[in-house]
Amino acid sequence: MTNRDVRWGFIGAGNIARTALAPAVHAATGAALQSVAARDLDRARSLGPAGVTHEYYAGILTDPDVDAIYISLPNDAHVDWSVLALEAGKHVLCEKPLGLSSAEIARMRAAGDSSGRLLVEATWNRWHPRTRRVEAIIRSGLIGTVVGVKAGFLISGVPADNYRYRPEFGGGALYDLGCYAIVASMWATGSGDAVVESAAVRPNEHGVDLETTATYRLGDAVVELECAMDRDASQWLSIVGTEGTIDLPEDFVTSRNSPSTLAVAAAAWGSRIEHFAPCDPYTLMVENMSAAIRGEAAYLPPATQSADMMRITEAIIEATSA
């Protein structure tokens, strides 16, 4: 396409769309929020689209003024609406997890390949300059071979009526929070092939995991994962190599619009703290995907990320039910 702004349409106008993605698109260079489809038209209009709002999701699929669609529906609806959007010729940015099984993700990828359109999972913290810096340090060999990763994401205060508590909507801590830790372990090690050594789950009355812990191997590394949605909020990412360590001491997932740091200790240069200016990774995600749609140089996660992450997720789920 030409150098014009990529025109974005939203399916869903819930909390993430309202507090994160709509502001990101409005702030992004090379992107514009064109249209929103939501059951609540007032909420759709509140996001500030330049064009029309649609009461029915399907209306946005045939909107000729929409180039790309962001999907922020509950997890169980990701696959169908992503496939429909791709088949309609729209590029798709879909909330994580992209699908709820390897079969779903394969179906989505096939639709993307057939349509020639981009399908990107909104693991937004991957666009943070701090995350990109950690990846670069690991690739440089500064800390040697990664042999250990500890990653955790705990939250509290999820409303009692939230879909995350219901299995029929793809709820649970592992799908909603563990995906970030799993993806971090993948880019830290450069591997997506896991062997699960142990896993445990604490379910609610509906069978959704309120908390999941797991230990698994990725290449040379042992990964310790922890996620929960009813504990005191906390996040951590620690990467141990044969020649040094990297620690993200705060908000390894949710750092946004505030300063952040990382701690590096390496045999080659000792210990130091690196500082990063406030930024909005959501805006960076939108800008990079919009640039990629225009055929410009841009950063997107590896196309295999979602499938690799889901294989690890399914292996953990299988281990907890054994």
C-alpha atoms as a PDB file:
ATOM      1  CA  MET A   1       0.000   0.000   0.000  1.00  0.00           C
ATOM      2  CA  THR A   2       1.005   3.674  -0.221  1.00  0.00           C
ATOM      3  CA  ASN A   3       2.572   5.869   2.436  1.00  0.00           C
ATOM      4  CA  ARG A   4      -0.794   6.876   3.893  1.00  0.00           C
ATOM      5  CA  ASP A   5      -1.843   6.048   7.418  1.00  0.00           C
ATOM      6  CA  VAL A   6      -3.007   2.496   8.012  1.00  0.00           C
ATOM      7  CA  ARG A   7      -6.702   2.690   8.874  1.00  0.00           C
ATOM      8  CA  TRP A   8      -7.484   0.559  11.907  1.00  0.00           C
ATOM      9  CA  GLY A   9     -10.790  -1.001  12.876  1.00  0.00           C
ATOM     10  CA  PHE A  10     -11.495  -2.513  16.290  1.00  0.00           C
ATOM     11  CA  ILE A  11     -13.656  -5.530  17.066  1.00  0.00           C
ATOM     12  CA  GLY A  12     -14.512  -5.034  20.712  1.00  0.00           C
ATOM     13  CA  ALA A  13     -14.409  -1.885  22.832  1.00  0.00           C
ATOM     14  CA  GLY A  14     -13.605  -3.325  26.242  1.00  0.00           C
ATOM     15  CA  ASN A  15     -11.044  -2.308  28.810  1.00  0.00           C
ATOM     16  CA  ILE A  16      -7.863  -3.032  26.826  1.00  0.00           C
ATOM     17  CA  ALA A  17      -9.222  -1.369  23.705  1.00  0.00           C
ATOM     18  CA  ARG A  18     -10.315   1.657  25.726  1.00  0.00           C
ATOM     19  CA  THR A  19      -7.285   2.129  27.987  1.00  0.00           C
ATOM     20  CA  ALA A  20      -4.447   0.884  25.789  1.00  0.00           C
ATOM     21  CA  LEU A  21      -5.032   0.272  22.090  1.00  0.00           C
ATOM     22  CA  ALA A  22      -7.267   3.216  21.198  1.00  0.00           C
ATOM     23  CA  PRO A  23      -4.866   5.704  22.840  1.00  0.00           C
ATOM     24  CA  ALA A  24      -1.975   3.900  21.131  1.00  0.00           C
ATOM     25  CA  VAL A  25      -3.508   4.194  17.663  1.00  0.00           C
ATOM     26  CA  HIS A  26      -4.381   7.841  18.227  1.00  0.00           C
ATOM     27  CA  ALA A  27      -0.796   8.541  19.327  1.00  0.00           C
ATOM     28  CA  ALA A  28       0.911   6.426  16.673  1.00  0.00           C
ATOM     29  CA  THR A  29       2.638   7.822  13.628  1.00  0.00           C
ATOM     30  CA  GLY A  30       1.319   6.242  10.424  1.00  0.00           C
ATOM     31  CA  ALA A  31      -1.918   4.905  11.909  1.00  0.00           C
ATOM     32  CA  ALA A  32      -5.475   6.129  12.346  1.00  0.00           C
ATOM     33  CA  LEU A  33      -8.460   4.710  14.225  1.00  0.00           C
ATOM     34  CA  GLN A  34     -11.090   4.518  11.508  1.00  0.00           C
ATOM     35  CA  SER A  35     -13.896   2.344  12.854  1.00  0.00           C
ATOM     36  CA  VAL A  36     -15.044   0.359  15.898  1.00  0.00           C
ATOM     37  CA  ALA A  37     -17.494  -2.541  16.086  1.00  0.00           C
ATOM     38  CA  ALA A  38     -19.061  -3.200  19.488  1.00  0.00           C
ATOM     39  CA  ARG A  39     -22.389  -4.251  20.917  1.00  0.00           C
ATOM     40  CA  ASP A  40     -22.457  -0.991  22.897  1.00  0.00           C
ATOM     41  CA  LEU A  41     -22.374   1.799  20.291  1.00  0.00           C
ATOM     42  CA  ASP A  42     -21.797   4.513  22.882  1.00  0.00           C
ATOM     43  CA  ARG A  43     -18.722   2.693  24.094  1.00  0.00           C
ATOM     44  CA  ALA A  44     -17.580   2.224  20.495  1.00  0.00           C
ATOM     45  CA  ARG A  45     -17.971   5.954  19.791  1.00  0.00           C
ATOM     46  CA  SER A  46     -16.086   6.810  22.985  1.00  0.00           C
ATOM     47  CA  LEU A  47     -12.908   5.394  21.420  1.00  0.00           C
ATOM     48  CA  GLY A  48     -12.947   8.256  18.926  1.00  0.00           C
ATOM     49  CA  PRO A  49     -13.005   6.573  15.504  1.00  0.00           C
ATOM     50  CA  ALA A  50     -12.829   8.890  12.496  1.00  0.00           C
ATOM     51  CA  GLY A  51     -15.430   6.880  10.586  1.00  0.00           C
ATOM     52  CA  VAL A  52     -18.473   4.807  11.365  1.00  0.00           C
ATOM     53  CA  THR A  53     -19.225   2.535  14.288  1.00  0.00           C
ATOM     54  CA  HIS A  54     -20.794  -0.875  13.809  1.00  0.00           C
ATOM     55  CA  GLU A  55     -23.238  -2.550  16.170  1.00  0.00           C
ATOM     56  CA  TYR A  56     -22.432  -5.943  14.659  1.00  0.00           C
ATOM     57  CA  TYR A  57     -18.881  -7.232  14.406  1.00  0.00           C
ATOM     58  CA  ALA A  58     -19.416  -8.463  10.855  1.00  0.00           C
ATOM     59  CA  GLY A  59     -20.040  -4.919   9.653  1.00  0.00           C
ATOM     60  CA  ILE A  60     -16.413  -3.980  10.039  1.00  0.00           C
ATOM     61  CA  LEU A  61     -15.263  -6.879   7.869  1.00  0.00           C
ATOM     62  CA  THR A  62     -16.782  -5.289   4.770  1.00  0.00           C
ATOM     63  CA  ASP A  63     -15.866  -1.708   5.666  1.00  0.00           C
ATOM     64  CA  PRO A  64     -13.794  -0.531   2.653  1.00  0.00           C
ATOM     65  CA  ASP A  65     -12.106   2.158   4.751  1.00  0.00           C
ATOM     66  CA  VAL A  66     -10.502  -0.358   7.147  1.00  0.00           C
ATOM     67  CA  ASP A  67      -7.088  -1.862   6.354  1.00  0.00           C
ATOM     68  CA  ALA A  68      -6.313  -3.690   9.606  1.00  0.00           C
ATOM     69  CA  ILE A  69      -8.401  -5.031  12.460  1.00  0.00           C
ATOM     70  CA  TYR A  70      -7.513  -5.262  16.147  1.00  0.00           C
ATOM     71  CA  ILE A  71      -9.421  -7.993  18.021  1.00  0.00           C
ATOM     72  CA  SER A  72      -9.886  -7.662  21.782  1.00  0.00           C
ATOM     73  CA  LEU A  73     -12.672 -10.159  22.397  1.00  0.00           C
ATOM     74  CA  PRO A  74     -12.593 -12.934  25.028  1.00  0.00           C
ATOM     75  CA  ASN A  75     -10.078 -15.649  24.222  1.00  0.00           C
ATOM     76  CA  ASP A  76     -12.567 -18.161  22.835  1.00  0.00           C
ATOM     77  CA  ALA A  77     -13.605 -15.727  20.062  1.00  0.00           C
ATOM     78  CA  HIS A  78     -10.103 -15.012  18.733  1.00  0.00           C
ATOM     79  CA  VAL A  79      -9.926 -17.786  16.179  1.00  0.00           C
ATOM     80  CA  ASP A  80     -13.244 -17.250  14.394  1.00  0.00           C
ATOM     81  CA  TRP A  81     -13.056 -13.478  14.106  1.00  0.00           C
ATOM     82  CA  SER A  82      -9.381 -13.515  13.131  1.00  0.00           C
ATOM     83  CA  VAL A  83     -10.075 -15.999  10.346  1.00  0.00           C
ATOM     84  CA  LEU A  84     -13.098 -14.017   9.136  1.00  0.00           C
ATOM     85  CA  ALA A  85     -11.091 -10.794   9.130  1.00  0.00           C
ATOM     86  CA  LEU A  86      -8.189 -12.358   7.240  1.00  0.00           C
ATOM     87  CA  GLU A  87     -10.541 -13.909   4.707  1.00  0.00           C
ATOM     88  CA  ALA A  88     -12.086 -10.462   4.250  1.00  0.00           C
ATOM     89  CA  GLY A  89      -8.666  -9.134   3.264  1.00  0.00           C
ATOM     90  CA  LYS A  90      -7.855  -7.337   6.509  1.00  0.00           C
ATOM     91  CA  HIS A  91      -4.564  -7.519   8.390  1.00  0.00           C
ATOM     92  CA  VAL A  92      -5.111  -8.725  11.971  1.00  0.00           C
ATOM     93  CA  LEU A  93      -3.616  -7.788  15.325  1.00  0.00           C
ATOM     94  CA  CYS A  94      -5.200 -10.141  17.860  1.00  0.00           C
ATOM     95  CA  GLU A  95      -4.968 -10.118  21.617  1.00  0.00           C
ATOM     96  CA  LYS A  96      -3.049 -12.897  23.264  1.00  0.00           C
ATOM     97  CA  PRO A  97      -3.294 -15.789  23.428  1.00  0.00           C
ATOM     98  CA  LEU A  98      -3.751 -15.895  19.672  1.00  0.00           C
ATOM     99  CA  GLY A  99      -5.676 -19.168  19.978  1.00  0.00           C
ATOM    100  CA  LEU A 100      -6.533 -21.709  22.644  1.00  0.00           C
ATOM    101  CA  SER A 101      -4.911 -24.709  20.975  1.00  0.00           C
ATOM    102  CA  SER A 102      -2.319 -25.586  18.386  1.00  0.00           C
ATOM    103  CA  ALA A 103      -5.138 -26.532  16.013  1.00  0.00           C
ATOM    104  CA  GLU A 104      -6.715 -23.082  16.343  1.00  0.00           C
ATOM    105  CA  ILE A 105      -3.425 -21.325  15.687  1.00  0.00           C
ATOM    106  CA  ALA A 106      -2.741 -23.524  12.657  1.00  0.00           C
ATOM    107  CA  ARG A 107      -6.156 -22.582  11.282  1.00  0.00           C
ATOM    108  CA  MET A 108      -5.448 -18.882  11.821  1.00  0.00           C
ATOM    109  CA  ARG A 109      -2.003 -19.105  10.235  1.00  0.00           C
ATOM    110  CA  ALA A 110      -3.438 -20.901   7.220  1.00  0.00           C
ATOM    111  CA  ALA A 111      -5.986 -18.110   6.775  1.00  0.00           C
ATOM    112  CA  GLY A 112      -3.214 -15.525   6.980  1.00  0.00           C
ATOM    113  CA  ASP A 113      -1.083 -17.367   4.446  1.00  0.00           C
ATOM    114  CA  SER A 114      -4.005 -17.786   2.043  1.00  0.00           C
ATOM    115  CA  SER A 115      -5.017 -14.140   2.276  1.00  0.00           C
ATOM    116  CA  GLY A 116      -1.509 -12.717   2.107  1.00  0.00           C
ATOM    117  CA  ARG A 117      -2.295 -10.586   5.160  1.00  0.00           C
ATOM    118  CA  LEU A 118      -0.390 -10.150   8.408  1.00  0.00           C
ATOM    119  CA  LEU A 119      -1.523 -11.983  11.541  1.00  0.00           C
ATOM    120  CA  VAL A 120       0.226 -10.676  14.662  1.00  0.00           C
ATOM    121  CA  GLU A 121      -0.258 -11.607  18.313  1.00  0.00           C
ATOM    122  CA  ALA A 122      -0.435  -8.559  20.594  1.00  0.00           C
ATOM    123  CA  THR A 123       2.317  -9.562  23.030  1.00  0.00           C
ATOM    124  CA  TRP A 124       2.926  -5.843  23.384  1.00  0.00           C
ATOM    125  CA  ASN A 125       5.858  -5.883  25.798  1.00  0.00           C
ATOM    126  CA  ARG A 126       8.028  -7.388  23.041  1.00  0.00           C
ATOM    127  CA  TRP A 127       8.143  -3.920  21.473  1.00  0.00           C
ATOM    128  CA  HIS A 128       9.499  -2.246  24.631  1.00  0.00           C
ATOM    129  CA  PRO A 129      13.088  -1.010  24.047  1.00  0.00           C
ATOM    130  CA  ARG A 130      14.124  -2.737  27.259  1.00  0.00           C
ATOM    131  CA  THR A 131      12.909  -6.106  25.981  1.00  0.00           C
ATOM    132  CA  ARG A 132      14.659  -5.512  22.658  1.00  0.00           C
ATOM    133  CA  ARG A 133      17.856  -4.604  24.538  1.00  0.00           C
ATOM    134  CA  VAL A 134      17.762  -7.789  26.613  1.00  0.00           C
ATOM    135  CA  GLU A 135      17.325  -9.839  23.454  1.00  0.00           C
ATOM    136  CA  ALA A 136      20.307  -8.058  21.880  1.00  0.00           C
ATOM    137  CA  ILE A 137      22.497  -8.694  24.931  1.00  0.00           C
ATOM    138  CA  ILE A 138      21.666 -12.393  24.832  1.00  0.00           C
ATOM    139  CA  ARG A 139      22.331 -12.623  21.092  1.00  0.00           C
ATOM    140  CA  SER A 140      25.694 -10.913  21.571  1.00  0.00           C
ATOM    141  CA  GLY A 141      26.882 -13.789  23.762  1.00  0.00           C
ATOM    142  CA  LEU A 142      27.749 -11.430  26.620  1.00  0.00           C
ATOM    143  CA  ILE A 143      26.189 -13.660  29.287  1.00  0.00           C
ATOM    144  CA  GLY A 144      27.136 -16.886  27.533  1.00  0.00           C
ATOM    145  CA  THR A 145      24.687 -19.726  27.086  1.00  0.00           C
ATOM    146  CA  VAL A 146      21.385 -19.221  28.894  1.00  0.00           C
ATOM    147  CA  VAL A 147      20.965 -22.012  31.429  1.00  0.00           C
ATOM    148  CA  GLY A 148      18.168 -20.679  33.620  1.00  0.00           C
ATOM    149  CA  VAL A 149      15.078 -18.480  33.374  1.00  0.00           C
ATOM    150  CA  LYS A 150      12.710 -17.490  36.163  1.00  0.00           C
ATOM    151  CA  ALA A 151       9.580 -15.680  35.010  1.00  0.00           C
ATOM    152  CA  GLY A 152       6.467 -14.776  36.958  1.00  0.00           C
ATOM    153  CA  PHE A 153       3.366 -12.651  36.501  1.00  0.00           C
ATOM    154  CA  LEU A 154       0.891 -12.364  39.373  1.00  0.00           C
ATOM    155  CA  ILE A 155      -2.124 -10.058  39.541  1.00  0.00           C
ATOM    156  CA  SER A 156      -5.036  -9.378  41.859  1.00  0.00           C
ATOM    157  CA  GLY A 157      -8.375  -7.633  41.679  1.00  0.00           C
ATOM    158  CA  VAL A 158      -9.915  -9.428  38.706  1.00  0.00           C
ATOM    159  CA  PRO A 159     -13.674  -8.705  38.935  1.00  0.00           C
ATOM    160  CA  ALA A 160     -15.776 -11.677  39.989  1.00  0.00           C
ATOM    161  CA  ASP A 161     -17.821 -11.630  36.773  1.00  0.00           C
ATOM    162  CA  ASN A 162     -14.795 -11.456  34.466  1.00  0.00           C
ATOM    163  CA  TYR A 163     -14.537 -13.986  31.632  1.00  0.00           C
ATOM    164  CA  ARG A 164     -11.107 -15.043  32.919  1.00  0.00           C
ATOM    165  CA  TYR A 165     -12.862 -17.118  35.599  1.00  0.00           C
ATOM    166  CA  ARG A 166     -14.823 -19.180  33.042  1.00  0.00           C
ATOM    167  CA  PRO A 167     -13.419 -22.102  31.030  1.00  0.00           C
ATOM    168  CA  GLU A 168     -15.902 -21.666  28.177  1.00  0.00           C
ATOM    169  CA  PHE A 169     -14.350 -18.272  27.417  1.00  0.00           C
ATOM    170  CA  GLY A 170     -10.764 -19.537  27.534  1.00  0.00           C
ATOM    171  CA  GLY A 171     -10.125 -18.148  30.995  1.00  0.00           C
ATOM    172  CA  GLY A 172      -7.369 -18.927  33.439  1.00  0.00           C
ATOM    173  CA  ALA A 173      -4.029 -17.600  34.600  1.00  0.00           C
ATOM    174  CA  LEU A 174      -1.915 -19.667  32.209  1.00  0.00           C
ATOM    175  CA  TYR A 175      -3.675 -18.403  29.075  1.00  0.00           C
ATOM    176  CA  ASP A 176      -3.937 -14.810  30.274  1.00  0.00           C
ATOM    177  CA  LEU A 177      -0.674 -14.276  32.184  1.00  0.00           C
ATOM    178  CA  GLY A 178       1.524 -17.309  31.715  1.00  0.00           C
ATOM    179  CA  CYS A 179       1.758 -16.608  27.988  1.00  0.00           C
ATOM    180  CA  TYR A 180       4.003 -13.605  28.703  1.00  0.00           C
ATOM    181  CA  ALA A 181       6.358 -15.670  30.825  1.00  0.00           C
ATOM    182  CA  ILE A 182       6.432 -18.479  28.264  1.00  0.00           C
ATOM    183  CA  VAL A 183       7.233 -16.087  25.416  1.00  0.00           C
ATOM    184  CA  ALA A 184       9.982 -14.502  27.533  1.00  0.00           C
ATOM    185  CA  SER A 185      11.527 -17.915  28.152  1.00  0.00           C
ATOM    186  CA  MET A 186      11.430 -18.562  24.396  1.00  0.00           C
ATOM    187  CA  TRP A 187      13.214 -15.381  23.310  1.00  0.00           C
ATOM    188  CA  ALA A 188      15.649 -15.712  26.208  1.00  0.00           C
ATOM    189  CA  THR A 189      16.699 -19.215  25.155  1.00  0.00           C
ATOM    190  CA  GLY A 190      16.058 -19.092  21.418  1.00  0.00           C
ATOM    191  CA  SER A 191      14.036 -22.285  21.704  1.00  0.00           C
ATOM    192  CA  GLY A 192      10.380 -23.232  21.447  1.00  0.00           C
ATOM    193  CA  ASP A 193      10.676 -26.951  22.154  1.00  0.00           C
ATOM    194  CA  ALA A 194       9.962 -27.650  25.813  1.00  0.00           C
ATOM    195  CA  VAL A 195      10.180 -30.698  28.020  1.00  0.00           C
ATOM    196  CA  VAL A 196       7.970 -30.199  31.075  1.00  0.00           C
ATOM    197  CA  GLU A 197       9.497 -31.617  34.239  1.00  0.00           C
ATOM    198  CA  SER A 198       6.736 -30.653  36.685  1.00  0.00           C
ATOM    199  CA  ALA A 199       3.588 -28.558  36.804  1.00  0.00           C
ATOM    200  CA  ALA A 200       0.850 -27.780  39.296  1.00  0.00           C
ATOM    201  CA  VAL A 201      -2.453 -25.941  39.099  1.00  0.00           C
ATOM    202  CA  ARG A 202      -4.851 -24.411  41.638  1.00  0.00           C
ATOM    203  CA  PRO A 203      -8.306 -24.300  40.013  1.00  0.00           C
ATOM    204  CA  ASN A 204     -11.477 -22.435  40.892  1.00  0.00           C
ATOM    205  CA  GLU A 205     -14.892 -24.066  41.180  1.00  0.00           C
ATOM    206  CA  HIS A 206     -15.322 -23.946  37.390  1.00  0.00           C
ATOM    207  CA  GLY A 207     -12.033 -25.682  36.666  1.00  0.00           C
ATOM    208  CA  VAL A 208     -10.144 -22.575  35.545  1.00  0.00           C
ATOM    209  CA  ASP A 209      -6.617 -22.250  36.878  1.00  0.00           C
ATOM    210  CA  LEU A 210      -6.291 -19.410  39.346  1.00  0.00           C
ATOM    211  CA  GLU A 211      -2.598 -20.267  39.598  1.00  0.00           C
ATOM    212  CA  THR A 212      -0.205 -22.397  37.581  1.00  0.00           C
ATOM    213  CA  THR A 213       3.430 -23.201  38.268  1.00  0.00           C
ATOM    214  CA  ALA A 214       5.719 -25.205  36.035  1.00  0.00           C
ATOM    215  CA  THR A 215       9.318 -26.200  35.503  1.00  0.00           C
ATOM    216  CA  TYR A 216      10.407 -27.085  31.986  1.00  0.00           C
ATOM    217  CA  ARG A 217      13.496 -27.307  29.840  1.00  0.00           C
ATOM    218  CA  LEU A 218      14.136 -25.217  26.743  1.00  0.00           C
ATOM    219  CA  GLY A 219      17.394 -26.191  25.114  1.00  0.00           C
ATOM    220  CA  ASP A 220      20.142 -25.839  27.737  1.00  0.00           C
ATOM    221  CA  ALA A 221      17.934 -23.866  30.133  1.00  0.00           C
ATOM    222  CA  VAL A 222      15.687 -24.798  33.026  1.00  0.00           C
ATOM    223  CA  VAL A 223      12.669 -22.489  33.145  1.00  0.00           C
ATOM    224  CA  GLU A 224      10.667 -21.830  36.305  1.00  0.00           C
ATOM    225  CA  LEU A 225       7.285 -20.275  35.532  1.00  0.00           C
ATOM    226  CA  GLU A 226       4.663 -18.907  37.901  1.00  0.00           C
ATOM    227  CA  CYS A 227       1.396 -17.124  37.138  1.00  0.00           C
ATOM    228  CA  ALA A 228      -1.681 -16.329  39.207  1.00  0.00           C
ATOM    229  CA  MET A 229      -4.671 -13.996  39.025  1.00  0.00           C
ATOM    230  CA  ASP A 230      -5.680 -13.844  42.682  1.00  0.00           C
ATOM    231  CA  ARG A 231      -2.435 -13.041  44.503  1.00  0.00           C
ATOM    232  CA  ASP A 232      -0.608  -9.838  45.369  1.00  0.00           C
ATOM    233  CA  ALA A 233       0.601  -8.272  42.134  1.00  0.00           C
ATOM    234  CA  SER A 234       4.200  -9.047  41.244  1.00  0.00           C
ATOM    235  CA  GLN A 235       6.333  -9.583  38.140  1.00  0.00           C
ATOM    236  CA  TRP A 236       9.853 -10.842  37.640  1.00  0.00           C
ATOM    237  CA  LEU A 237      12.213 -12.029  34.928  1.00  0.00           C
ATOM    238  CA  SER A 238      15.661 -13.362  35.717  1.00  0.00           C
ATOM    239  CA  ILE A 239      17.940 -14.851  33.080  1.00  0.00           C
ATOM    240  CA  VAL A 240      21.064 -16.783  34.054  1.00  0.00           C
ATOM    241  CA  GLY A 241      23.842 -17.495  31.593  1.00  0.00           C
ATOM    242  CA  THR A 242      27.159 -19.273  31.876  1.00  0.00           C
ATOM    243  CA  GLU A 243      28.932 -15.880  31.806  1.00  0.00           C
ATOM    244  CA  GLY A 244      26.477 -13.553  33.525  1.00  0.00           C
ATOM    245  CA  THR A 245      22.921 -12.646  34.469  1.00  0.00           C
ATOM    246  CA  ILE A 246      20.152 -10.259  33.445  1.00  0.00           C
ATOM    247  CA  ASP A 247      17.369  -9.138  35.780  1.00  0.00           C
ATOM    248  CA  LEU A 248      14.333  -7.001  35.047  1.00  0.00           C
ATOM    249  CA  PRO A 249      13.599  -5.805  38.575  1.00  0.00           C
ATOM    250  CA  GLU A 250      10.156  -4.324  37.958  1.00  0.00           C
ATOM    251  CA  ASP A 251       7.200  -4.782  35.642  1.00  0.00           C
ATOM    252  CA  PHE A 252       8.836  -6.993  33.033  1.00  0.00           C
ATOM    253  CA  VAL A 253       5.479  -7.213  31.251  1.00  0.00           C
ATOM    254  CA  THR A 254       3.567  -4.047  32.078  1.00  0.00           C
ATOM    255  CA  SER A 255       6.199  -1.285  32.003  1.00  0.00           C
ATOM    256  CA  ARG A 256       4.412   1.551  30.204  1.00  0.00           C
ATOM    257  CA  ASN A 257       4.804   5.332  30.248  1.00  0.00           C
ATOM    258  CA  SER A 258       7.235   5.232  33.151  1.00  0.00           C
ATOM    259  CA  PRO A 259      11.021   4.840  33.481  1.00  0.00           C
ATOM    260  CA  SER A 260      12.364   1.295  33.670  1.00  0.00           C
ATOM    261  CA  THR A 261      15.670  -0.429  34.296  1.00  0.00           C
ATOM    262  CA  LEU A 262      17.493  -3.688  33.810  1.00  0.00           C
ATOM    263  CA  ALA A 263      20.418  -5.081  35.756  1.00  0.00           C
ATOM    264  CA  VAL A 264      23.247  -6.805  33.884  1.00  0.00           C
ATOM    265  CA  ALA A 265      26.135  -8.677  35.451  1.00  0.00           C
ATOM    266  CA  ALA A 266      28.691 -10.108  33.041  1.00  0.00           C
ATOM    267  CA  ALA A 267      32.178 -11.505  33.388  1.00  0.00           C
ATOM    268  CA  ALA A 268      33.303  -9.211  30.556  1.00  0.00           C
ATOM    269  CA  TRP A 269      32.271  -5.899  32.159  1.00  0.00           C
ATOM    270  CA  GLY A 270      31.084  -6.414  35.729  1.00  0.00           C
ATOM    271  CA  SER A 271      27.710  -5.168  36.936  1.00  0.00           C
ATOM    272  CA  ARG A 272      25.661  -2.206  35.781  1.00  0.00           C
ATOM    273  CA  ILE A 273      22.139  -0.837  35.664  1.00  0.00           C
ATOM    274  CA  GLU A 274      20.723   0.339  32.346  1.00  0.00           C
ATOM    275  CA  HIS A 275      17.951   2.950  32.297  1.00  0.00           C
ATOM    276  CA  PHE A 276      15.125   3.360  29.790  1.00  0.00           C
ATOM    277  CA  ALA A 277      12.977   6.410  29.229  1.00  0.00           C
ATOM    278  CA  PRO A 278       9.189   6.215  29.512  1.00  0.00           C
ATOM    279  CA  CYS A 279       7.490   4.857  26.412  1.00  0.00           C
ATOM    280  CA  ASP A 280       4.274   3.167  25.375  1.00  0.00           C
ATOM    281  CA  PRO A 281       4.969  -0.272  23.864  1.00  0.00           C
ATOM    282  CA  TYR A 282       1.362  -0.390  22.628  1.00  0.00           C
ATOM    283  CA  THR A 283       2.089   2.622  20.426  1.00  0.00           C
ATOM    284  CA  LEU A 284       5.338   1.047  19.232  1.00  0.00           C
ATOM    285  CA  MET A 285       3.450  -2.150  18.404  1.00  0.00           C
ATOM    286  CA  VAL A 286       0.863  -0.251  16.337  1.00  0.00           C
ATOM    287  CA  GLU A 287       3.532   1.811  14.584  1.00  0.00           C
ATOM    288  CA  ASN A 288       5.619  -1.219  13.678  1.00  0.00           C
ATOM    289  CA  MET A 289       2.692  -3.263  12.417  1.00  0.00           C
ATOM    290  CA  SER A 290       1.409  -0.289  10.422  1.00  0.00           C
ATOM    291  CA  ALA A 291       4.873   0.143   8.883  1.00  0.00           C
ATOM    292  CA  ALA A 292       5.013  -3.566   8.017  1.00  0.00           C
ATOM    293  CA  ILE A 293       1.600  -3.315   6.341  1.00  0.00           C
ATOM    294  CA  ARG A 294       2.964  -0.486   4.187  1.00  0.00           C
ATOM    295  CA  GLY A 295       5.940  -2.663   3.271  1.00  0.00           C
ATOM    296  CA  GLU A 296       8.412  -0.633   5.322  1.00  0.00           C
ATOM    297  CA  ALA A 297      11.119  -1.912   7.662  1.00  0.00           C
ATOM    298  CA  ALA A 298       9.546  -2.875  10.976  1.00  0.00           C
ATOM    299  CA  TYR A 299       9.943  -5.182  13.945  1.00  0.00           C
ATOM    300  CA  LEU A 300       7.432  -7.998  14.320  1.00  0.00           C
ATOM    301  CA  PRO A 301       7.834 -11.067  16.566  1.00  0.00           C
ATOM    302  CA  PRO A 302       8.829 -14.314  14.842  1.00  0.00           C
ATOM    303  CA  ALA A 303       5.945 -15.846  12.905  1.00  0.00           C
ATOM    304  CA  THR A 304       6.443 -19.078  14.870  1.00  0.00           C
ATOM    305  CA  GLN A 305       5.988 -17.398  18.281  1.00  0.00           C
ATOM    306  CA  SER A 306       2.302 -18.168  18.782  1.00  0.00           C
ATOM    307  CA  ALA A 307       2.537 -21.823  17.719  1.00  0.00           C
ATOM    308  CA  ASP A 308       5.635 -22.421  19.860  1.00  0.00           C
ATOM    309  CA  MET A 309       4.049 -20.739  22.856  1.00  0.00           C
ATOM    310  CA  MET A 310       0.898 -22.812  22.495  1.00  0.00           C
ATOM    311  CA  ARG A 311       2.845 -26.089  22.309  1.00  0.00           C
ATOM    312  CA  ILE A 312       4.492 -25.218  25.623  1.00  0.00           C
ATOM    313  CA  THR A 313       1.139 -24.167  27.101  1.00  0.00           C
ATOM    314  CA  GLU A 314      -0.463 -27.445  26.042  1.00  0.00           C
ATOM    315  CA  ALA A 315       2.451 -29.417  27.473  1.00  0.00           C
ATOM    316  CA  ILE A 316       2.019 -27.646  30.828  1.00  0.00           C
ATOM    317  CA  ILE A 317      -1.746 -28.271  30.787  1.00  0.00           C
ATOM    318  CA  GLU A 318      -1.160 -31.942  30.006  1.00  0.00           C
ATOM    319  CA  ALA A 319       1.344 -32.204  32.856  1.00  0.00           C
ATOM    320  CA  THR A 320      -1.113 -30.674  35.349  1.00  0.00           C
ATOM    321  CA  SER A 321      -3.794 -33.198  34.398  1.00  0.00           C
ATOM    322  CA  ALA A 322      -1.541 -36.255  34.468  1.00  0.00           C
END
